[in-house]
Amino acid sequence: MDARLSTFDQSNALAMRNIELFSDGSGGQCLLDVASHPFSAQFSFIFDTPTLAEFIQQLNAIYASLCGQAKLGQQHEDSYLLFQVNRQGHLTVSGQLNVSAEHWQNLKFSFSTDQSVLPSFISELEAVCGGQLCNSQ
């Protein structure tokens, strides 16, 4: 399943494609597509901190309060996604994607959009959990 953050600017976008939750409830993985003008990346993103359910709760909270942040990442790695909303309704999506291999790679990105794009993204993430709040996590 996929979850896409539909921004109003085609040069800035984020999609979590082929999301799979681990059967033991420890996290999940997806193919992360990021476009943050002028850069773009496709990245095999593994997430376990917090659980997807907690991340969805954080996203709902920042949408409702127009304040705060929601972060999804890896416990033992530096890669993460961060969503921050301010009281003016501006949503900043940022993150860091790292690959530690023979040649170390790092991409830090950030773009802004409107908080009104969050409900559909949240709904798509909830659908990954079968419409429930990822009870198995």
Foldseek 3Di string as FASTA:
>chain_A
DKFWQDFPDPQFTKMFAPWDADQQQQWTWGFIWGGAPPDIDTATFTWRVPHLLVLLVQLVVCLVVQADKGKTHHPPDQWIWMWGGHPVQKIKIWIKDWDDDPDTDIDTHIDIGGSVSSPRSSVVSCVSCVVDSVVSD
